[in-house]
Amino acid sequence: MFISFEGIEGSGKSTALSRLCSLLALSGRAFVRTMEPGGSKLGQSLRALLLDARNSIGPEAELFLYLADRAQHVRQHIRPALEAGSVVLTDRYADSTIVYQGYGRGLDVRELFRLNELAVNGLWPDCTLIFDLPPELGLERARTRNREQGIDVSEGRFEAEALDFHRRIRAGYLDWAARHPERCVLVDAEASPDAVFAQVSAIVLPRLGAVSE
């Protein structure tokens, strides 16, 4: 089972993912937690380039850096873990690139899908959770988190984008989810952390079978 967590900045997806991992660990279920960018050794170097607010990167260059990160991530970590029988949980995957570089940056969405299909060699998640909330709230959360962690420069390039950009991202996720209802499920991320995790559990646990809270 391959599950991806998606959403705008500050949507709470990483927090919910951490809670799900704790639950799986208690149940003894084999799982691998990973993320993009940065899920491989190569990806860690690319992450530093992609997220640093001091870097000015054009949309096309940004796209190909993300594709390189993803191709290596799939080959080196995700596919081997799935073949070994582990559940794979990733904080962002190909949908992020389609939404951020497509709906956000204005690149062609159909071409982005084709390029991602090549990068992942046909491997798409069984289930994608899309955490949805107003971008004003998400940005406030994300910028506060970055300041508290001291990463507002080193990992704050997207948080520094204008509000209109983040509004396009939210609208993009909603449109993309509507196009792919077979795997994309919306999560009301404006709710309390407990309520958000209750939604996540209701979506994910039935798909995993024997795991229970």
C-alpha atoms as a PDB file:
ATOM      1  CA  MET A   1       0.000   0.000   0.000  1.00  0.00           C
ATOM      2  CA  PHE A   2       1.367   3.355  -1.090  1.00  0.00           C
ATOM      3  CA  ILE A   3      -0.179   6.479   0.477  1.00  0.00           C
ATOM      4  CA  SER A   4       0.774  10.103  -0.162  1.00  0.00           C
ATOM      5  CA  PHE A   5      -0.026  13.165   1.943  1.00  0.00           C
ATOM      6  CA  GLU A   6      -0.587  16.413   0.030  1.00  0.00           C
ATOM      7  CA  GLY A   7      -1.700  19.959   0.745  1.00  0.00           C
ATOM      8  CA  ILE A   8      -0.778  23.621   0.839  1.00  0.00           C
ATOM      9  CA  GLU A   9       1.875  24.966   3.183  1.00  0.00           C
ATOM     10  CA  GLY A  10       0.842  24.661   6.831  1.00  0.00           C
ATOM     11  CA  SER A  11      -2.006  22.248   6.158  1.00  0.00           C
ATOM     12  CA  GLY A  12      -0.999  19.902   8.995  1.00  0.00           C
ATOM     13  CA  LYS A  13      -0.299  16.896   6.791  1.00  0.00           C
ATOM     14  CA  SER A  14       3.087  16.209   8.390  1.00  0.00           C
ATOM     15  CA  THR A  15       1.582  16.240  11.883  1.00  0.00           C
ATOM     16  CA  ALA A  16      -1.147  13.796  10.863  1.00  0.00           C
ATOM     17  CA  LEU A  17       1.446  11.627   9.133  1.00  0.00           C
ATOM     18  CA  SER A  18       3.511  11.474  12.326  1.00  0.00           C
ATOM     19  CA  ARG A  19       0.488  10.351  14.317  1.00  0.00           C
ATOM     20  CA  LEU A  20      -0.331   7.681  11.766  1.00  0.00           C
ATOM     21  CA  CYS A  21       3.243   6.396  11.892  1.00  0.00           C
ATOM     22  CA  SER A  22       3.043   6.144  15.685  1.00  0.00           C
ATOM     23  CA  LEU A  23      -0.146   4.120  15.366  1.00  0.00           C
ATOM     24  CA  LEU A  24       1.384   1.782  12.802  1.00  0.00           C
ATOM     25  CA  ALA A  25       4.476   1.320  14.960  1.00  0.00           C
ATOM     26  CA  LEU A  26       2.309   0.319  17.936  1.00  0.00           C
ATOM     27  CA  SER A  27       0.440  -2.181  15.778  1.00  0.00           C
ATOM     28  CA  GLY A  28       3.660  -3.769  14.528  1.00  0.00           C
ATOM     29  CA  ARG A  29       2.818  -3.026  10.896  1.00  0.00           C
ATOM     30  CA  ALA A  30       5.870  -2.685   8.633  1.00  0.00           C
ATOM     31  CA  PHE A  31       5.980   0.787   7.114  1.00  0.00           C
ATOM     32  CA  VAL A  32       8.384   3.289   5.606  1.00  0.00           C
ATOM     33  CA  ARG A  33       7.973   7.028   6.106  1.00  0.00           C
ATOM     34  CA  THR A  34       9.571   9.288   3.535  1.00  0.00           C
ATOM     35  CA  MET A  35       9.190  12.717   1.973  1.00  0.00           C
ATOM     36  CA  GLU A  36       9.769  14.884  -1.061  1.00  0.00           C
ATOM     37  CA  PRO A  37      11.960  16.619  -1.729  1.00  0.00           C
ATOM     38  CA  GLY A  38      14.703  14.856   0.202  1.00  0.00           C
ATOM     39  CA  GLY A  39      13.741  11.186   0.342  1.00  0.00           C
ATOM     40  CA  SER A  40      17.109  10.029  -0.983  1.00  0.00           C
ATOM     41  CA  LYS A  41      20.717  11.139  -0.536  1.00  0.00           C
ATOM     42  CA  LEU A  42      20.545  12.971  -3.852  1.00  0.00           C
ATOM     43  CA  GLY A  43      17.193  14.408  -2.829  1.00  0.00           C
ATOM     44  CA  GLN A  44      18.645  15.881   0.344  1.00  0.00           C
ATOM     45  CA  SER A  45      21.025  17.967  -1.759  1.00  0.00           C
ATOM     46  CA  LEU A  46      18.218  18.985  -4.095  1.00  0.00           C
ATOM     47  CA  ARG A  47      15.975  19.881  -1.140  1.00  0.00           C
ATOM     48  CA  ALA A  48      18.530  22.406   0.067  1.00  0.00           C
ATOM     49  CA  LEU A  49      18.475  24.067  -3.361  1.00  0.00           C
ATOM     50  CA  LEU A  50      14.718  23.950  -3.871  1.00  0.00           C
ATOM     51  CA  LEU A  51      13.545  25.248  -0.502  1.00  0.00           C
ATOM     52  CA  ASP A  52      16.153  27.908   0.287  1.00  0.00           C
ATOM     53  CA  ALA A  53      14.476  31.322   0.106  1.00  0.00           C
ATOM     54  CA  ARG A  54      17.741  32.885  -1.105  1.00  0.00           C
ATOM     55  CA  ASN A  55      17.589  30.905  -4.371  1.00  0.00           C
ATOM     56  CA  SER A  56      15.822  32.270  -7.428  1.00  0.00           C
ATOM     57  CA  ILE A  57      14.826  29.300  -9.600  1.00  0.00           C
ATOM     58  CA  GLY A  58      12.878  29.489 -12.856  1.00  0.00           C
ATOM     59  CA  PRO A  59       9.763  27.307 -13.242  1.00  0.00           C
ATOM     60  CA  GLU A  60      11.375  24.929 -15.741  1.00  0.00           C
ATOM     61  CA  ALA A  61      14.541  24.461 -13.681  1.00  0.00           C
ATOM     62  CA  GLU A  62      12.425  23.979 -10.553  1.00  0.00           C
ATOM     63  CA  LEU A  63      10.395  21.312 -12.361  1.00  0.00           C
ATOM     64  CA  PHE A  64      13.395  19.275 -13.465  1.00  0.00           C
ATOM     65  CA  LEU A  65      15.001  19.421 -10.035  1.00  0.00           C
ATOM     66  CA  TYR A  66      11.811  17.983  -8.540  1.00  0.00           C
ATOM     67  CA  LEU A  67      11.635  15.312 -11.227  1.00  0.00           C
ATOM     68  CA  ALA A  68      15.236  14.275 -10.542  1.00  0.00           C
ATOM     69  CA  ASP A  69      14.492  14.059  -6.822  1.00  0.00           C
ATOM     70  CA  ARG A  70      11.404  11.941  -7.479  1.00  0.00           C
ATOM     71  CA  ALA A  71      12.976   9.559  -9.976  1.00  0.00           C
ATOM     72  CA  GLN A  72      15.805   8.740  -7.562  1.00  0.00           C
ATOM     73  CA  HIS A  73      13.388   8.513  -4.629  1.00  0.00           C
ATOM     74  CA  VAL A  74      11.221   5.949  -6.394  1.00  0.00           C
ATOM     75  CA  ARG A  75      14.121   3.868  -7.666  1.00  0.00           C
ATOM     76  CA  GLN A  76      16.147   3.900  -4.459  1.00  0.00           C
ATOM     77  CA  HIS A  77      13.497   3.792  -1.734  1.00  0.00           C
ATOM     78  CA  ILE A  78       9.813   3.653  -2.601  1.00  0.00           C
ATOM     79  CA  ARG A  79       9.677   0.783  -5.067  1.00  0.00           C
ATOM     80  CA  PRO A  80      12.051  -1.466  -3.057  1.00  0.00           C
ATOM     81  CA  ALA A  81      10.013  -0.854   0.114  1.00  0.00           C
ATOM     82  CA  LEU A  82       6.759  -1.740  -1.638  1.00  0.00           C
ATOM     83  CA  GLU A  83       8.294  -4.852  -3.141  1.00  0.00           C
ATOM     84  CA  ALA A  84       9.413  -5.879   0.364  1.00  0.00           C
ATOM     85  CA  GLY A  85       5.804  -5.660   1.565  1.00  0.00           C
ATOM     86  CA  SER A  86       6.015  -2.421   3.560  1.00  0.00           C
ATOM     87  CA  VAL A  87       3.385   0.270   3.652  1.00  0.00           C
ATOM     88  CA  VAL A  88       4.937   3.437   2.200  1.00  0.00           C
ATOM     89  CA  LEU A  89       3.802   6.824   3.495  1.00  0.00           C
ATOM     90  CA  THR A  90       5.214   9.867   1.760  1.00  0.00           C
ATOM     91  CA  ASP A  91       4.940  13.531   2.660  1.00  0.00           C
ATOM     92  CA  ARG A  92       4.382  14.885  -0.891  1.00  0.00           C
ATOM     93  CA  TYR A  93       4.788  13.106  -4.210  1.00  0.00           C
ATOM     94  CA  ALA A  94       4.063  13.712  -7.898  1.00  0.00           C
ATOM     95  CA  ASP A  95       0.761  15.520  -7.300  1.00  0.00           C
ATOM     96  CA  SER A  96       2.720  18.318  -5.624  1.00  0.00           C
ATOM     97  CA  THR A  97       4.655  19.001  -8.801  1.00  0.00           C
ATOM     98  CA  ILE A  98       1.550  18.934 -10.976  1.00  0.00           C
ATOM     99  CA  VAL A  99      -0.212  21.388  -8.667  1.00  0.00           C
ATOM    100  CA  TYR A 100       2.662  23.682  -7.696  1.00  0.00           C
ATOM    101  CA  GLN A 101       4.409  23.878 -11.060  1.00  0.00           C
ATOM    102  CA  GLY A 102       1.197  23.560 -13.076  1.00  0.00           C
ATOM    103  CA  TYR A 103      -1.593  25.443 -11.347  1.00  0.00           C
ATOM    104  CA  GLY A 104       0.888  27.573  -9.376  1.00  0.00           C
ATOM    105  CA  ARG A 105       3.621  28.372 -11.894  1.00  0.00           C
ATOM    106  CA  GLY A 106       1.531  28.086 -15.049  1.00  0.00           C
ATOM    107  CA  LEU A 107       3.254  25.139 -16.751  1.00  0.00           C
ATOM    108  CA  ASP A 108       1.107  22.770 -18.817  1.00  0.00           C
ATOM    109  CA  VAL A 109      -0.655  20.295 -16.505  1.00  0.00           C
ATOM    110  CA  ARG A 110      -0.945  17.546 -19.122  1.00  0.00           C
ATOM    111  CA  GLU A 111       2.766  17.771 -19.895  1.00  0.00           C
ATOM    112  CA  LEU A 112       3.569  17.722 -16.180  1.00  0.00           C
ATOM    113  CA  PHE A 113       1.556  14.528 -15.790  1.00  0.00           C
ATOM    114  CA  ARG A 114       3.467  12.944 -18.689  1.00  0.00           C
ATOM    115  CA  LEU A 115       6.851  13.930 -17.258  1.00  0.00           C
ATOM    116  CA  ASN A 116       5.921  12.663 -13.803  1.00  0.00           C
ATOM    117  CA  GLU A 117       4.681   9.403 -15.301  1.00  0.00           C
ATOM    118  CA  LEU A 118       8.162   8.997 -16.791  1.00  0.00           C
ATOM    119  CA  ALA A 119       9.928   9.956 -13.548  1.00  0.00           C
ATOM    120  CA  VAL A 120       7.956   7.491 -11.406  1.00  0.00           C
ATOM    121  CA  ASN A 121       7.841   4.788 -14.090  1.00  0.00           C
ATOM    122  CA  GLY A 122       4.090   4.443 -13.667  1.00  0.00           C
ATOM    123  CA  LEU A 123       4.101   4.233  -9.869  1.00  0.00           C
ATOM    124  CA  TRP A 124       1.262   6.324  -8.409  1.00  0.00           C
ATOM    125  CA  PRO A 125      -0.136   6.127  -4.868  1.00  0.00           C
ATOM    126  CA  ASP A 126      -3.018   3.818  -4.027  1.00  0.00           C
ATOM    127  CA  CYS A 127      -4.459   6.654  -1.962  1.00  0.00           C
ATOM    128  CA  THR A 128      -3.686  10.371  -1.806  1.00  0.00           C
ATOM    129  CA  LEU A 129      -4.901  12.465   1.122  1.00  0.00           C
ATOM    130  CA  ILE A 130      -5.253  16.145   0.251  1.00  0.00           C
ATOM    131  CA  PHE A 131      -5.346  18.396   3.316  1.00  0.00           C
ATOM    132  CA  ASP A 132      -7.493  21.395   2.503  1.00  0.00           C
ATOM    133  CA  LEU A 133      -7.797  24.709   4.343  1.00  0.00           C
ATOM    134  CA  PRO A 134      -7.755  28.440   3.515  1.00  0.00           C
ATOM    135  CA  PRO A 135      -4.270  29.517   2.401  1.00  0.00           C
ATOM    136  CA  GLU A 136      -4.303  32.490   4.768  1.00  0.00           C
ATOM    137  CA  LEU A 137      -4.486  30.096   7.720  1.00  0.00           C
ATOM    138  CA  GLY A 138      -1.999  27.649   6.262  1.00  0.00           C
ATOM    139  CA  LEU A 139       0.570  30.359   5.567  1.00  0.00           C
ATOM    140  CA  GLU A 140       0.231  31.778   9.074  1.00  0.00           C
ATOM    141  CA  ARG A 141       0.858  28.308  10.521  1.00  0.00           C
ATOM    142  CA  ALA A 142       3.768  27.576   8.179  1.00  0.00           C
ATOM    143  CA  ARG A 143       5.548  30.887   8.661  1.00  0.00           C
ATOM    144  CA  THR A 144       5.196  30.651  12.442  1.00  0.00           C
ATOM    145  CA  ARG A 145       6.566  27.090  12.389  1.00  0.00           C
ATOM    146  CA  ASN A 146       9.516  28.107  10.224  1.00  0.00           C
ATOM    147  CA  ARG A 147      10.406  31.021  12.507  1.00  0.00           C
ATOM    148  CA  GLU A 148      10.200  28.827  15.599  1.00  0.00           C
ATOM    149  CA  GLN A 149      12.408  26.183  13.999  1.00  0.00           C
ATOM    150  CA  GLY A 150      14.820  28.725  12.548  1.00  0.00           C
ATOM    151  CA  ILE A 151      14.259  27.566   8.959  1.00  0.00           C
ATOM    152  CA  ASP A 152      12.393  30.574   7.584  1.00  0.00           C
ATOM    153  CA  VAL A 153      15.290  31.162   5.147  1.00  0.00           C
ATOM    154  CA  SER A 154      16.735  27.678   4.583  1.00  0.00           C
ATOM    155  CA  GLU A 155      13.318  26.091   3.909  1.00  0.00           C
ATOM    156  CA  GLY A 156      11.045  29.075   3.367  1.00  0.00           C
ATOM    157  CA  ARG A 157      11.092  29.682  -0.384  1.00  0.00           C
ATOM    158  CA  PHE A 158       7.465  28.662  -0.961  1.00  0.00           C
ATOM    159  CA  GLU A 159       6.202  30.325   2.216  1.00  0.00           C
ATOM    160  CA  ALA A 160       7.681  33.561   0.838  1.00  0.00           C
ATOM    161  CA  GLU A 161       5.419  33.402  -2.223  1.00  0.00           C
ATOM    162  CA  ALA A 162       2.495  35.845  -2.475  1.00  0.00           C
ATOM    163  CA  LEU A 163      -0.931  34.862  -1.189  1.00  0.00           C
ATOM    164  CA  ASP A 164      -2.331  34.664  -4.739  1.00  0.00           C
ATOM    165  CA  PHE A 165       0.156  31.890  -5.518  1.00  0.00           C
ATOM    166  CA  HIS A 166      -1.082  29.862  -2.561  1.00  0.00           C
ATOM    167  CA  ARG A 167      -4.686  30.472  -3.555  1.00  0.00           C
ATOM    168  CA  ARG A 168      -3.887  28.968  -6.964  1.00  0.00           C
ATOM    169  CA  ILE A 169      -2.309  25.987  -5.221  1.00  0.00           C
ATOM    170  CA  ARG A 170      -5.404  25.354  -3.132  1.00  0.00           C
ATOM    171  CA  ALA A 171      -7.680  25.668  -6.154  1.00  0.00           C
ATOM    172  CA  GLY A 172      -5.335  23.372  -8.067  1.00  0.00           C
ATOM    173  CA  TYR A 173      -5.481  20.662  -5.443  1.00  0.00           C
ATOM    174  CA  LEU A 174      -9.281  20.811  -5.379  1.00  0.00           C
ATOM    175  CA  ASP A 175      -9.484  20.570  -9.158  1.00  0.00           C
ATOM    176  CA  TRP A 176      -6.912  17.747  -9.322  1.00  0.00           C
ATOM    177  CA  ALA A 177      -8.752  15.809  -6.613  1.00  0.00           C
ATOM    178  CA  ALA A 178     -12.004  16.142  -8.554  1.00  0.00           C
ATOM    179  CA  ARG A 179     -10.244  14.764 -11.623  1.00  0.00           C
ATOM    180  CA  HIS A 180      -8.895  11.744  -9.729  1.00  0.00           C
ATOM    181  CA  PRO A 181     -11.613  10.632  -7.289  1.00  0.00           C
ATOM    182  CA  GLU A 182     -10.433   7.018  -7.497  1.00  0.00           C
ATOM    183  CA  ARG A 183      -7.449   7.796  -5.266  1.00  0.00           C
ATOM    184  CA  CYS A 184      -7.679  11.402  -4.023  1.00  0.00           C
ATOM    185  CA  VAL A 185      -9.582  12.066  -0.778  1.00  0.00           C
ATOM    186  CA  LEU A 186     -10.032  15.503   0.771  1.00  0.00           C
ATOM    187  CA  VAL A 187      -9.323  16.086   4.463  1.00  0.00           C
ATOM    188  CA  ASP A 188     -10.803  19.102   6.264  1.00  0.00           C
ATOM    189  CA  ALA A 189      -7.550  20.494   7.633  1.00  0.00           C
ATOM    190  CA  GLU A 190      -9.218  23.500   9.251  1.00  0.00           C
ATOM    191  CA  ALA A 191     -10.522  21.216  12.009  1.00  0.00           C
ATOM    192  CA  SER A 192      -8.679  20.485  15.283  1.00  0.00           C
ATOM    193  CA  PRO A 193      -5.656  18.144  15.124  1.00  0.00           C
ATOM    194  CA  ASP A 194      -7.697  15.361  16.746  1.00  0.00           C
ATOM    195  CA  ALA A 195     -10.544  15.821  14.281  1.00  0.00           C
ATOM    196  CA  VAL A 196      -8.100  15.866  11.378  1.00  0.00           C
ATOM    197  CA  PHE A 197      -6.499  12.646  12.539  1.00  0.00           C
ATOM    198  CA  ALA A 198      -9.915  11.048  12.977  1.00  0.00           C
ATOM    199  CA  GLN A 199     -10.549  11.770   9.302  1.00  0.00           C
ATOM    200  CA  VAL A 200      -7.161  10.357   8.326  1.00  0.00           C
ATOM    201  CA  SER A 201      -7.780   7.198  10.358  1.00  0.00           C
ATOM    202  CA  ALA A 202     -11.208   6.713   8.787  1.00  0.00           C
ATOM    203  CA  ILE A 203      -9.666   6.967   5.323  1.00  0.00           C
ATOM    204  CA  VAL A 204      -6.463   4.999   5.806  1.00  0.00           C
ATOM    205  CA  LEU A 205      -7.113   2.260   8.353  1.00  0.00           C
ATOM    206  CA  PRO A 206      -9.787   0.402   6.369  1.00  0.00           C
ATOM    207  CA  ARG A 207      -7.374   0.277   3.458  1.00  0.00           C
ATOM    208  CA  LEU A 208      -4.688  -1.263   5.677  1.00  0.00           C
ATOM    209  CA  GLY A 209      -6.917  -4.010   6.999  1.00  0.00           C
ATOM    210  CA  ALA A 210      -5.885  -5.333  10.428  1.00  0.00           C
ATOM    211  CA  VAL A 211      -4.531  -2.083  11.907  1.00  0.00           C
ATOM    212  CA  SER A 212      -6.795  -0.501  14.514  1.00  0.00           C
ATOM    213  CA  GLU A 213      -6.587   2.466  16.891  1.00  0.00           C
END
